């Protein structure tokens, strides 16, 4: 899924939920931080940290990649 770093956490959640046809309360979203730990995205602050982590990984490249894990609560 392509997005710009200016996207808000709320808009991001809506895009992810739409892509997987899930409600927000059905998914846990996690990303890997710079130390290799999985961090749950719960709010705008967590989302900003995820975007910053992606920026750090790419340094001078024009595009970055943020790998996310989506876990369905019902499983």
PDB file of N, CA and C in Angstrom:
ATOM      1  N   UNK A   1       0.854  -1.156   0.000  1.00  0.00           N
ATOM      2  CA  UNK A   1       0.000   0.000   0.000  1.00  0.00           C
ATOM      3  C   UNK A   1       0.906   1.227   0.000  1.00  0.00           C
ATOM      4  N   UNK A   2       0.658   2.121  -0.883  1.00  0.00           N
ATOM      5  CA  UNK A   2       1.453   3.338  -0.981  1.00  0.00           C
ATOM      6  C   UNK A   2       0.800   4.452  -0.183  1.00  0.00           C
ATOM      7  N   UNK A   3       1.648   5.213   0.522  1.00  0.00           N
ATOM      8  CA  UNK A   3       1.149   6.351   1.284  1.00  0.00           C
ATOM      9  C   UNK A   3       2.254   7.378   1.410  1.00  0.00           C
ATOM     10  N   UNK A   4       1.877   8.568   1.782  1.00  0.00           N
ATOM     11  CA  UNK A   4       2.860   9.626   2.018  1.00  0.00           C
ATOM     12  C   UNK A   4       3.070   9.763   3.526  1.00  0.00           C
ATOM     13  N   UNK A   5       4.211  10.292   3.945  1.00  0.00           N
ATOM     14  CA  UNK A   5       4.457  10.439   5.383  1.00  0.00           C
ATOM     15  C   UNK A   5       3.553  11.469   6.049  1.00  0.00           C
ATOM     16  N   UNK A   6       2.819  12.251   5.275  1.00  0.00           N
ATOM     17  CA  UNK A   6       1.923  13.256   5.833  1.00  0.00           C
ATOM     18  C   UNK A   6       0.578  12.673   6.263  1.00  0.00           C
ATOM     19  N   UNK A   7       0.323  11.409   5.947  1.00  0.00           N
ATOM     20  CA  UNK A   7      -0.955  10.795   6.286  1.00  0.00           C
ATOM     21  C   UNK A   7      -1.126  10.745   7.804  1.00  0.00           C
ATOM     22  N   UNK A   8      -2.341  10.970   8.257  1.00  0.00           N
ATOM     23  CA  UNK A   8      -2.603  10.898   9.702  1.00  0.00           C
ATOM     24  C   UNK A   8      -2.824   9.441  10.102  1.00  0.00           C
ATOM     25  N   UNK A   9      -2.692   9.175  11.367  1.00  0.00           N
ATOM     26  CA  UNK A   9      -2.904   7.826  11.883  1.00  0.00           C
ATOM     27  C   UNK A   9      -4.335   7.372  11.603  1.00  0.00           C
ATOM     28  N   UNK A  10      -5.296   8.256  11.792  1.00  0.00           N
ATOM     29  CA  UNK A  10      -6.704   7.922  11.547  1.00  0.00           C
ATOM     30  C   UNK A  10      -6.929   7.537  10.089  1.00  0.00           C
ATOM     31  N   UNK A  11      -6.395   8.324   9.161  1.00  0.00           N
ATOM     32  CA  UNK A  11      -6.539   8.008   7.735  1.00  0.00           C
ATOM     33  C   UNK A  11      -5.832   6.703   7.387  1.00  0.00           C
ATOM     34  N   UNK A  12      -4.668   6.505   7.983  1.00  0.00           N
ATOM     35  CA  UNK A  12      -3.917   5.269   7.772  1.00  0.00           C
ATOM     36  C   UNK A  12      -4.739   4.058   8.222  1.00  0.00           C
ATOM     37  N   UNK A  13      -5.326   4.140   9.426  1.00  0.00           N
ATOM     38  CA  UNK A  13      -6.158   3.049   9.931  1.00  0.00           C
ATOM     39  C   UNK A  13      -7.325   2.762   8.999  1.00  0.00           C
ATOM     40  N   UNK A  14      -7.952   3.804   8.501  1.00  0.00           N
ATOM     41  CA  UNK A  14      -9.079   3.629   7.586  1.00  0.00           C
ATOM     42  C   UNK A  14      -8.648   2.903   6.320  1.00  0.00           C
ATOM     43  N   UNK A  15      -7.478   3.249   5.786  1.00  0.00           N
ATOM     44  CA  UNK A  15      -6.974   2.587   4.577  1.00  0.00           C
ATOM     45  C   UNK A  15      -6.685   1.110   4.835  1.00  0.00           C
ATOM     46  N   UNK A  16      -6.048   0.818   5.955  1.00  0.00           N
ATOM     47  CA  UNK A  16      -5.720  -0.574   6.279  1.00  0.00           C
ATOM     48  C   UNK A  16      -6.997  -1.385   6.476  1.00  0.00           C
ATOM     49  N   UNK A  17      -7.928  -0.838   7.231  1.00  0.00           N
ATOM     50  CA  UNK A  17      -9.184  -1.551   7.485  1.00  0.00           C
ATOM     51  C   UNK A  17      -9.963  -1.771   6.197  1.00  0.00           C
ATOM     52  N   UNK A  18      -9.962  -0.796   5.336  1.00  0.00           N
ATOM     53  CA  UNK A  18     -10.641  -0.936   4.048  1.00  0.00           C
ATOM     54  C   UNK A  18      -9.973  -2.015   3.198  1.00  0.00           C
ATOM     55  N   UNK A  19      -8.663  -2.026   3.194  1.00  0.00           N
ATOM     56  CA  UNK A  19      -7.921  -3.018   2.397  1.00  0.00           C
ATOM     57  C   UNK A  19      -8.237  -4.444   2.847  1.00  0.00           C
ATOM     58  N   UNK A  20      -8.335  -4.655   4.153  1.00  0.00           N
ATOM     59  CA  UNK A  20      -8.574  -6.004   4.675  1.00  0.00           C
ATOM     60  C   UNK A  20     -10.038  -6.270   5.027  1.00  0.00           C
ATOM     61  N   UNK A  21     -10.899  -5.267   4.738  1.00  0.00           N
ATOM     62  CA  UNK A  21     -12.333  -5.397   5.017  1.00  0.00           C
ATOM     63  C   UNK A  21     -12.585  -5.763   6.483  1.00  0.00           C
ATOM     64  N   UNK A  22     -11.942  -5.007   7.369  1.00  0.00           N
ATOM     65  CA  UNK A  22     -12.049  -5.209   8.812  1.00  0.00           C
ATOM     66  C   UNK A  22     -12.433  -3.890   9.480  1.00  0.00           C
ATOM     67  N   UNK A  23     -12.969  -3.983  10.688  1.00  0.00           N
ATOM     68  CA  UNK A  23     -13.207  -2.796  11.506  1.00  0.00           C
ATOM     69  C   UNK A  23     -11.942  -2.501  12.311  1.00  0.00           C
ATOM     70  N   UNK A  24     -11.795  -1.268  12.739  1.00  0.00           N
ATOM     71  CA  UNK A  24     -10.617  -0.852  13.506  1.00  0.00           C
ATOM     72  C   UNK A  24     -10.449  -1.701  14.758  1.00  0.00           C
ATOM     73  N   UNK A  25     -11.544  -2.027  15.415  1.00  0.00           N
ATOM     74  CA  UNK A  25     -11.454  -2.789  16.663  1.00  0.00           C
ATOM     75  C   UNK A  25     -11.175  -4.277  16.443  1.00  0.00           C
ATOM     76  N   UNK A  26     -11.060  -4.696  15.198  1.00  0.00           N
ATOM     77  CA  UNK A  26     -10.760  -6.098  14.899  1.00  0.00           C
ATOM     78  C   UNK A  26      -9.274  -6.346  14.639  1.00  0.00           C
ATOM     79  N   UNK A  27      -8.490  -5.286  14.488  1.00  0.00           N
ATOM     80  CA  UNK A  27      -7.087  -5.432  14.102  1.00  0.00           C
ATOM     81  C   UNK A  27      -6.121  -4.863  15.132  1.00  0.00           C
ATOM     82  N   UNK A  28      -4.999  -5.548  15.309  1.00  0.00           N
ATOM     83  CA  UNK A  28      -3.826  -5.003  15.984  1.00  0.00           C
ATOM     84  C   UNK A  28      -2.790  -4.782  14.901  1.00  0.00           C
ATOM     85  N   UNK A  29      -2.185  -3.615  14.872  1.00  0.00           N
ATOM     86  CA  UNK A  29      -1.135  -3.311  13.903  1.00  0.00           C
ATOM     87  C   UNK A  29       0.181  -3.165  14.641  1.00  0.00           C
ATOM     88  N   UNK A  30       1.226  -3.795  14.114  1.00  0.00           N
ATOM     89  CA  UNK A  30       2.548  -3.737  14.736  1.00  0.00           C
ATOM     90  C   UNK A  30       3.592  -3.443  13.662  1.00  0.00           C
ATOM     91  N   UNK A  31       4.673  -2.794  14.081  1.00  0.00           N
ATOM     92  CA  UNK A  31       5.820  -2.567  13.207  1.00  0.00           C
ATOM     93  C   UNK A  31       7.073  -2.941  13.974  1.00  0.00           C
ATOM     94  N   UNK A  32       8.164  -3.125  13.256  1.00  0.00           N
ATOM     95  CA  UNK A  32       9.433  -3.462  13.881  1.00  0.00           C
ATOM     96  C   UNK A  32      10.247  -2.191  14.076  1.00  0.00           C
ATOM     97  N   UNK A  33      10.674  -1.942  15.318  1.00  0.00           N
ATOM     98  CA  UNK A  33      11.483  -0.754  15.591  1.00  0.00           C
ATOM     99  C   UNK A  33      12.943  -1.019  15.235  1.00  0.00           C
ATOM    100  N   UNK A  34      13.799  -0.012  15.467  1.00  0.00           N
ATOM    101  CA  UNK A  34      15.213  -0.114  15.078  1.00  0.00           C
ATOM    102  C   UNK A  34      15.967  -1.195  15.847  1.00  0.00           C
ATOM    103  N   UNK A  35      15.434  -1.625  16.982  1.00  0.00           N
ATOM    104  CA  UNK A  35      16.068  -2.688  17.774  1.00  0.00           C
ATOM    105  C   UNK A  35      15.527  -4.074  17.453  1.00  0.00           C
ATOM    106  N   UNK A  36      14.585  -4.142  16.514  1.00  0.00           N
ATOM    107  CA  UNK A  36      14.010  -5.425  16.127  1.00  0.00           C
ATOM    108  C   UNK A  36      12.792  -5.840  16.926  1.00  0.00           C
ATOM    109  N   UNK A  37      12.349  -4.996  17.856  1.00  0.00           N
ATOM    110  CA  UNK A  37      11.160  -5.305  18.650  1.00  0.00           C
ATOM    111  C   UNK A  37       9.892  -4.922  17.904  1.00  0.00           C
ATOM    112  N   UNK A  38       8.821  -5.655  18.147  1.00  0.00           N
ATOM    113  CA  UNK A  38       7.535  -5.328  17.519  1.00  0.00           C
ATOM    114  C   UNK A  38       6.761  -4.382  18.434  1.00  0.00           C
ATOM    115  N   UNK A  39       6.377  -3.238  17.874  1.00  0.00           N
ATOM    116  CA  UNK A  39       5.673  -2.183  18.591  1.00  0.00           C
ATOM    117  C   UNK A  39       4.241  -2.097  18.054  1.00  0.00           C
ATOM    118  N   UNK A  40       3.273  -2.076  18.961  1.00  0.00           N
ATOM    119  CA  UNK A  40       1.874  -1.943  18.568  1.00  0.00           C
ATOM    120  C   UNK A  40       1.554  -0.488  18.253  1.00  0.00           C
ATOM    121  N   UNK A  41       0.869  -0.272  17.130  1.00  0.00           N
ATOM    122  CA  UNK A  41       0.425   1.070  16.756  1.00  0.00           C
ATOM    123  C   UNK A  41      -0.921   1.325  17.418  1.00  0.00           C
ATOM    124  N   UNK A  42      -0.925   2.207  18.406  1.00  0.00           N
ATOM    125  CA  UNK A  42      -2.156   2.504  19.139  1.00  0.00           C
ATOM    126  C   UNK A  42      -2.646   3.935  18.927  1.00  0.00           C
ATOM    127  N   UNK A  43      -1.719   4.827  18.573  1.00  0.00           N
ATOM    128  CA  UNK A  43      -2.100   6.235  18.461  1.00  0.00           C
ATOM    129  C   UNK A  43      -1.148   6.964  17.519  1.00  0.00           C
ATOM    130  N   UNK A  44      -1.385   8.257  17.374  1.00  0.00           N
ATOM    131  CA  UNK A  44      -0.599   9.090  16.472  1.00  0.00           C
ATOM    132  C   UNK A  44       0.888   9.068  16.826  1.00  0.00           C
ATOM    133  N   UNK A  45       1.201   9.044  18.115  1.00  0.00           N
ATOM    134  CA  UNK A  45       2.591   9.022  18.567  1.00  0.00           C
ATOM    135  C   UNK A  45       3.313   7.747  18.107  1.00  0.00           C
ATOM    136  N   UNK A  46       2.657   6.602  18.257  1.00  0.00           N
ATOM    137  CA  UNK A  46       3.239   5.335  17.795  1.00  0.00           C
ATOM    138  C   UNK A  46       3.426   5.365  16.282  1.00  0.00           C
ATOM    139  N   UNK A  47       2.447   5.930  15.589  1.00  0.00           N
ATOM    140  CA  UNK A  47       2.506   6.005  14.132  1.00  0.00           C
ATOM    141  C   UNK A  47       3.671   6.895  13.689  1.00  0.00           C
ATOM    142  N   UNK A  48       3.861   8.020  14.362  1.00  0.00           N
ATOM    143  CA  UNK A  48       4.978   8.911  14.035  1.00  0.00           C
ATOM    144  C   UNK A  48       6.319   8.204  14.252  1.00  0.00           C
ATOM    145  N   UNK A  49       6.407   7.403  15.320  1.00  0.00           N
ATOM    146  CA  UNK A  49       7.631   6.642  15.570  1.00  0.00           C
ATOM    147  C   UNK A  49       7.866   5.624  14.444  1.00  0.00           C
ATOM    148  N   UNK A  50       6.805   5.007  13.957  1.00  0.00           N
ATOM    149  CA  UNK A  50       6.931   4.050  12.850  1.00  0.00           C
ATOM    150  C   UNK A  50       7.428   4.744  11.586  1.00  0.00           C
ATOM    151  N   UNK A  51       6.876   5.904  11.285  1.00  0.00           N
ATOM    152  CA  UNK A  51       7.302   6.672  10.104  1.00  0.00           C
ATOM    153  C   UNK A  51       8.765   7.089  10.250  1.00  0.00           C
ATOM    154  N   UNK A  52       9.151   7.544  11.422  1.00  0.00           N
ATOM    155  CA  UNK A  52      10.543   7.950  11.666  1.00  0.00           C
ATOM    156  C   UNK A  52      11.488   6.765  11.533  1.00  0.00           C
ATOM    157  N   UNK A  53      11.077   5.605  12.013  1.00  0.00           N
ATOM    158  CA  UNK A  53      11.888   4.388  11.871  1.00  0.00           C
ATOM    159  C   UNK A  53      12.097   4.063  10.401  1.00  0.00           C
ATOM    160  N   UNK A  54      11.040   4.178   9.599  1.00  0.00           N
ATOM    161  CA  UNK A  54      11.154   3.926   8.154  1.00  0.00           C
ATOM    162  C   UNK A  54      12.096   4.935   7.506  1.00  0.00           C
ATOM    163  N   UNK A  55      12.023   6.192   7.925  1.00  0.00           N
ATOM    164  CA  UNK A  55      12.921   7.229   7.377  1.00  0.00           C
ATOM    165  C   UNK A  55      14.378   6.915   7.696  1.00  0.00           C
ATOM    166  N   UNK A  56      14.632   6.477   8.928  1.00  0.00           N
ATOM    167  CA  UNK A  56      16.000   6.161   9.337  1.00  0.00           C
ATOM    168  C   UNK A  56      16.569   4.996   8.528  1.00  0.00           C
ATOM    169  N   UNK A  57      15.739   4.056   8.168  1.00  0.00           N
ATOM    170  CA  UNK A  57      16.196   2.878   7.431  1.00  0.00           C
ATOM    171  C   UNK A  57      16.601   3.207   6.005  1.00  0.00           C
ATOM    172  N   UNK A  58      15.998   4.230   5.411  1.00  0.00           N
ATOM    173  CA  UNK A  58      16.286   4.543   4.013  1.00  0.00           C
ATOM    174  C   UNK A  58      17.309   5.650   3.833  1.00  0.00           C
ATOM    175  N   UNK A  59      17.536   6.428   4.859  1.00  0.00           N
ATOM    176  CA  UNK A  59      18.487   7.552   4.849  1.00  0.00           C
ATOM    177  C   UNK A  59      18.261   8.465   3.649  1.00  0.00           C
ATOM    178  N   UNK A  60      19.065   8.338   2.585  1.00  0.00           N
ATOM    179  CA  UNK A  60      19.017   9.297   1.480  1.00  0.00           C
ATOM    180  C   UNK A  60      18.168   8.852   0.295  1.00  0.00           C
ATOM    181  N   UNK A  61      17.495   7.726   0.393  1.00  0.00           N
ATOM    182  CA  UNK A  61      16.646   7.269  -0.715  1.00  0.00           C
ATOM    183  C   UNK A  61      15.354   8.073  -0.742  1.00  0.00           C
ATOM    184  N   UNK A  62      14.714   8.108  -1.903  1.00  0.00           N
ATOM    185  CA  UNK A  62      13.488   8.895  -2.035  1.00  0.00           C
ATOM    186  C   UNK A  62      12.262   8.172  -1.483  1.00  0.00           C
ATOM    187  N   UNK A  63      12.321   6.846  -1.389  1.00  0.00           N
ATOM    188  CA  UNK A  63      11.175   6.089  -0.894  1.00  0.00           C
ATOM    189  C   UNK A  63      11.603   5.156   0.224  1.00  0.00           C
ATOM    190  N   UNK A  64      10.703   4.967   1.175  1.00  0.00           N
ATOM    191  CA  UNK A  64      10.974   4.060   2.276  1.00  0.00           C
ATOM    192  C   UNK A  64       9.950   2.949   2.321  1.00  0.00           C
ATOM    193  N   UNK A  65      10.156   2.055   3.259  1.00  0.00           N
ATOM    194  CA  UNK A  65       9.244   0.934   3.411  1.00  0.00           C
ATOM    195  C   UNK A  65       8.988   0.726   4.895  1.00  0.00           C
ATOM    196  N   UNK A  66       7.718   0.613   5.230  1.00  0.00           N
ATOM    197  CA  UNK A  66       7.311   0.329   6.594  1.00  0.00           C
ATOM    198  C   UNK A  66       6.573  -0.999   6.564  1.00  0.00           C
ATOM    199  N   UNK A  67       7.181  -2.000   7.167  1.00  0.00           N
ATOM    200  CA  UNK A  67       6.578  -3.324   7.197  1.00  0.00           C
ATOM    201  C   UNK A  67       5.694  -3.431   8.430  1.00  0.00           C
ATOM    202  N   UNK A  68       4.437  -3.806   8.213  1.00  0.00           N
ATOM    203  CA  UNK A  68       3.468  -3.918   9.293  1.00  0.00           C
ATOM    204  C   UNK A  68       2.931  -5.331   9.405  1.00  0.00           C
ATOM    205  N   UNK A  69       2.571  -5.689  10.626  1.00  0.00           N
ATOM    206  CA  UNK A  69       1.881  -6.946  10.866  1.00  0.00           C
ATOM    207  C   UNK A  69       0.475  -6.590  11.312  1.00  0.00           C
ATOM    208  N   UNK A  70      -0.500  -7.207  10.672  1.00  0.00           N
ATOM    209  CA  UNK A  70      -1.908  -6.995  11.012  1.00  0.00           C
ATOM    210  C   UNK A  70      -2.431  -8.292  11.611  1.00  0.00           C
ATOM    211  N   UNK A  71      -2.895  -8.208  12.850  1.00  0.00           N
ATOM    212  CA  UNK A  71      -3.382  -9.385  13.556  1.00  0.00           C
ATOM    213  C   UNK A  71      -4.874  -9.208  13.810  1.00  0.00           C
ATOM    214  N   UNK A  72      -5.670 -10.168  13.360  1.00  0.00           N
ATOM    215  CA  UNK A  72      -7.105 -10.147  13.554  1.00  0.00           C
ATOM    216  C   UNK A  72      -7.424 -10.627  14.966  1.00  0.00           C
ATOM    217  N   UNK A  73      -8.157  -9.832  15.726  1.00  0.00           N
ATOM    218  CA  UNK A  73      -8.540 -10.200  17.096  1.00  0.00           C
ATOM    219  C   UNK A  73      -9.365 -11.479  17.163  1.00  0.00           C
ATOM    220  N   UNK A  74     -10.062 -11.764  16.091  1.00  0.00           N
ATOM    221  CA  UNK A  74     -10.978 -12.913  16.111  1.00  0.00           C
ATOM    222  C   UNK A  74     -10.262 -14.248  15.932  1.00  0.00           C
ATOM    223  N   UNK A  75      -8.993 -14.214  15.548  1.00  0.00           N
ATOM    224  CA  UNK A  75      -8.237 -15.471  15.350  1.00  0.00           C
ATOM    225  C   UNK A  75      -7.665 -15.969  16.643  1.00  0.00           C
TER     226      UNK A  75
END
